[in-house]
């Protein structure tokens, strides 16, 4: 009996563990490929957008130029927030009170948080798969071994030869859990450093944009 046949004949618990591991593996690989492109584009786009920003004569012109360079909309929300902070609205709510500095800080902080959330998307899934997939596979292995021992116990004397087959097939679940977890852990650690570098660039750009808003002096 091979592992696939053993899985088809297994009980609901084993099949559920296998389905969960398959879903985890597919989700992690989809996120890995998508996030690899996101990070690769972000490292290039943020630098190009910053260069275009400081060459532009005004924020209005910069926002138009950056809109064609910022493929994942990481820098454009910051520029738009700086433009909005510099405009004098007619509304009388709390959002338009307190001078330019608090309003600029609030708008740029909101835009920065939105960009960082987009940049960090998928990290939690990778961390969850890396932390839980081995235990799901181990659960399937333990349950499969227990199920095999119960069946063999009803057939009389248990020998090593008769036990080796079912135990080996049950260990496939552990291997499946590791196969799902290892790529997720490696990707999480690899993306973490790249994401942190882009985050630092975005935070510095938000700080610089705050100094461009009238009435919002840069913090020392």
Protein backbone atom coordinates (compact mmCIF):
# COMPACT_ATOMS: atom_id res chain seq x y z
CA UNK A 1 0.00 0.00 0.00
CA UNK A 2 1.48 3.36 -0.99
CA UNK A 3 1.02 6.63 0.85
CA UNK A 4 -1.70 7.93 -1.48
CA UNK A 5 -3.76 4.77 -1.13
CA UNK A 6 -3.23 4.88 2.63
CA UNK A 7 -4.52 8.45 2.67
CA UNK A 8 -7.63 7.54 0.68
CA UNK A 9 -8.41 4.73 3.10
CA UNK A 10 -7.60 6.77 6.22
CA UNK A 11 -10.22 8.13 8.56
CA UNK A 12 -11.60 11.66 8.64
CA UNK A 13 -8.93 13.04 10.99
CA UNK A 14 -6.05 12.04 8.72
CA UNK A 15 -7.80 13.37 5.64
CA UNK A 16 -8.60 16.64 7.42
CA UNK A 17 -4.95 17.07 8.42
CA UNK A 18 -3.87 16.40 4.84
CA UNK A 19 -6.39 18.92 3.50
CA UNK A 20 -5.22 21.57 5.98
CA UNK A 21 -1.57 21.01 5.04
CA UNK A 22 -2.40 21.24 1.35
CA UNK A 23 -4.29 24.50 1.89
CA UNK A 24 -1.40 25.90 3.96
CA UNK A 25 1.15 24.96 1.32
CA UNK A 26 -0.85 26.45 -1.56
CA UNK A 27 -1.54 29.67 0.39
CA UNK A 28 2.08 30.10 1.40
CA UNK A 29 3.41 29.57 -2.14
CA UNK A 30 0.88 32.00 -3.60
CA UNK A 31 1.93 34.62 -1.04
CA UNK A 32 5.63 33.87 -1.61
CA UNK A 33 5.42 34.50 -5.36
CA UNK A 34 3.19 37.56 -4.94
CA UNK A 35 5.30 39.06 -2.15
CA UNK A 36 8.52 38.41 -4.01
CA UNK A 37 7.24 40.60 -6.84
CA UNK A 38 5.90 43.20 -4.39
CA UNK A 39 9.20 43.56 -2.55
CA UNK A 40 11.25 43.56 -5.75
CA UNK A 41 9.07 46.31 -7.25
CA UNK A 42 8.93 48.27 -4.00
CA UNK A 43 12.70 48.51 -3.66
CA UNK A 44 12.92 49.99 -7.15
CA UNK A 45 9.76 52.09 -7.12
CA UNK A 46 10.38 53.82 -3.78
CA UNK A 47 13.80 55.00 -4.91
CA UNK A 48 12.46 56.18 -8.28
CA UNK A 49 9.50 57.93 -6.67
CA UNK A 50 11.72 59.72 -4.16
CA UNK A 51 13.95 60.95 -6.95
CA UNK A 52 10.95 62.14 -8.96
CA UNK A 53 9.50 63.84 -5.89
CA UNK A 54 12.55 65.98 -5.18
CA UNK A 55 12.94 66.91 -8.84
CA UNK A 56 9.30 68.05 -9.16
CA UNK A 57 8.55 71.78 -8.76
CA UNK A 58 5.42 71.15 -6.66
CA UNK A 59 3.51 68.34 -4.95
CA UNK A 60 0.80 68.48 -7.61
CA UNK A 61 3.33 67.74 -10.34
CA UNK A 62 5.04 65.12 -8.20
CA UNK A 63 1.82 63.22 -7.59
CA UNK A 64 1.20 62.93 -11.33
CA UNK A 65 4.71 61.68 -12.03
CA UNK A 66 4.74 59.30 -9.09
CA UNK A 67 1.39 57.85 -10.15
CA UNK A 68 3.11 56.32 -13.20
CA UNK A 69 6.06 54.96 -11.21
CA UNK A 70 4.47 53.62 -8.04
CA UNK A 71 3.10 50.24 -9.15
CA UNK A 72 1.88 49.13 -5.71
CA UNK A 73 0.82 52.59 -4.46
CA UNK A 74 3.28 52.80 -1.58
CA UNK A 75 4.56 56.36 -2.07
CA UNK A 76 1.63 58.00 -3.81
CA UNK A 77 -0.64 57.98 -0.70
CA UNK A 78 2.06 59.88 1.21
CA UNK A 79 2.31 62.57 -1.46
CA UNK A 80 -1.47 62.87 -1.66
CA UNK A 81 -1.66 63.16 2.13
CA UNK A 82 0.92 65.95 2.07
CA UNK A 83 -1.11 67.77 -0.61
CA UNK A 84 -4.29 67.36 1.41
CA UNK A 85 -2.59 68.63 4.55
CA UNK A 86 -1.50 71.78 2.73
CA UNK A 87 -5.01 72.58 1.52
CA UNK A 88 -7.28 74.78 3.58
CA UNK A 89 -10.69 73.17 3.79
CA UNK A 90 -13.90 74.91 4.73
CA UNK A 91 -15.03 72.24 7.13
CA UNK A 92 -15.15 73.11 10.80
CA UNK A 93 -14.52 69.69 12.30
CA UNK A 94 -11.72 68.72 14.62
CA UNK A 95 -9.73 67.41 11.68
CA UNK A 96 -9.26 70.99 10.41
CA UNK A 97 -8.43 72.54 13.78
CA UNK A 98 -5.17 72.81 15.66
CA UNK A 99 -3.01 74.24 12.86
CA UNK A 100 -1.13 72.66 10.00
CA UNK A 101 1.31 70.56 12.03
CA UNK A 102 -1.20 68.25 13.77
CA UNK A 103 -3.24 67.83 10.61
CA UNK A 104 -0.18 67.04 8.51
CA UNK A 105 1.06 64.56 11.09
CA UNK A 106 -2.29 62.81 11.26
CA UNK A 107 -2.80 62.55 7.50
CA UNK A 108 0.74 61.38 6.81
CA UNK A 109 0.55 58.87 9.64
CA UNK A 110 -2.66 57.41 8.21
CA UNK A 111 -1.17 57.20 4.72
CA UNK A 112 2.03 55.65 6.06
CA UNK A 113 0.13 53.02 8.01
CA UNK A 114 -1.87 52.11 4.90
CA UNK A 115 1.31 51.75 2.83
CA UNK A 116 3.04 49.68 5.52
CA UNK A 117 0.00 47.42 5.86
CA UNK A 118 0.08 46.80 2.10
CA UNK A 119 3.81 46.09 2.28
CA UNK A 120 3.46 43.68 5.22
CA UNK A 121 0.50 41.81 3.77
CA UNK A 122 0.98 38.05 3.91
CA UNK A 123 3.62 38.03 6.65
CA UNK A 124 1.15 36.73 9.24
CA UNK A 125 0.09 33.88 6.97
CA UNK A 126 3.69 32.82 6.38
CA UNK A 127 4.45 32.95 10.10
CA UNK A 128 1.32 30.97 10.93
CA UNK A 129 2.07 28.26 8.36
CA UNK A 130 5.68 28.00 9.52
CA UNK A 131 4.65 27.68 13.16
CA UNK A 132 1.66 25.35 12.88
CA UNK A 133 2.20 23.12 9.83
CA UNK A 134 4.70 20.77 11.58
CA UNK A 135 2.25 20.20 14.42
CA UNK A 136 -0.60 19.47 12.03
CA UNK A 137 1.61 16.92 10.30
CA UNK A 138 2.65 15.45 13.64
CA UNK A 139 -0.99 15.15 14.65
CA UNK A 140 -1.70 13.21 11.48
CA UNK A 141 1.29 10.94 12.12
CA UNK A 142 0.37 10.19 15.72
CA UNK A 143 -3.25 9.57 14.80
CA UNK A 144 -2.22 7.31 11.91
CA UNK A 145 0.15 5.27 14.09
CA UNK A 146 -2.50 4.90 16.77
CA UNK A 147 -5.03 3.82 14.16
CA UNK A 148 -2.58 1.30 12.68
CA UNK A 149 -1.70 -0.17 16.08
CA UNK A 150 -5.38 -0.57 16.89
CA UNK A 151 -5.95 -2.51 13.68
CA UNK A 152 -2.88 -4.70 14.16
CA UNK A 153 -3.79 -5.44 17.77
CA UNK A 154 -6.97 -7.13 16.62
CA UNK A 155 -5.05 -9.42 14.27
CA UNK A 156 -2.99 -11.21 16.91
CA UNK A 157 0.76 -10.97 17.38
CA UNK A 158 2.43 -7.72 16.26
CA UNK A 159 5.81 -8.01 14.53
CA UNK A 160 8.25 -5.40 13.34
CA UNK A 161 7.61 -6.33 9.72
CA UNK A 162 3.88 -5.87 10.07
CA UNK A 163 4.34 -2.58 11.96
CA UNK A 164 6.91 -0.99 9.67
CA UNK A 165 4.53 -0.46 6.75
CA UNK A 166 1.73 1.41 8.55
CA UNK A 167 4.16 3.48 10.63
CA UNK A 168 6.16 4.47 7.54
CA UNK A 169 3.01 5.53 5.76
CA UNK A 170 1.88 7.55 8.77
CA UNK A 171 5.22 9.37 8.85
CA UNK A 172 4.33 10.86 5.48
CA UNK A 173 2.14 13.34 7.35
CA UNK A 174 5.15 14.61 9.30
CA UNK A 175 7.09 15.02 6.07
CA UNK A 176 4.14 16.89 4.54
CA UNK A 177 4.01 19.24 7.53
CA UNK A 178 7.71 20.02 7.21
CA UNK A 179 7.37 20.48 3.45
CA UNK A 180 4.70 23.12 4.07
CA UNK A 181 6.51 24.82 6.95
CA UNK A 182 10.10 25.12 5.70
CA UNK A 183 9.40 27.32 2.63
CA UNK A 184 7.10 29.54 4.70
CA UNK A 185 9.73 30.06 7.41
CA UNK A 186 12.50 30.78 4.90
CA UNK A 187 10.28 33.22 3.01
CA UNK A 188 9.17 34.97 6.20
CA UNK A 189 12.74 35.53 7.34
CA UNK A 190 13.90 36.56 3.86
CA UNK A 191 11.08 39.02 3.28
CA UNK A 192 11.40 40.44 6.79
CA UNK A 193 14.74 42.10 6.09
CA UNK A 194 13.69 43.47 2.70
CA UNK A 195 10.39 44.78 4.05
CA UNK A 196 12.18 46.49 6.94
CA UNK A 197 14.47 48.32 4.51
CA UNK A 198 11.52 49.58 2.44
CA UNK A 199 9.65 50.57 5.60
CA UNK A 200 12.61 52.69 6.72
CA UNK A 201 12.64 54.46 3.35
CA UNK A 202 8.89 55.15 3.53
CA UNK A 203 9.10 56.46 7.09
CA UNK A 204 11.94 58.79 6.15
CA UNK A 205 10.02 60.01 3.12
CA UNK A 206 6.94 60.69 5.25
CA UNK A 207 9.07 62.70 7.68
CA UNK A 208 10.52 64.75 4.82
CA UNK A 209 7.09 65.35 3.29
CA UNK A 210 5.82 66.67 6.60
CA UNK A 211 8.42 69.43 6.43
CA UNK A 212 7.04 70.54 3.04
CA UNK A 213 3.56 71.24 4.40
CA UNK A 214 3.02 74.95 5.23
CA UNK A 215 2.74 75.46 8.95
CA UNK A 216 4.14 72.01 9.75
CA UNK A 217 7.81 72.36 10.69
CA UNK A 218 9.91 69.21 10.73
CA UNK A 219 10.56 67.60 14.07
CA UNK A 220 14.15 67.60 15.28
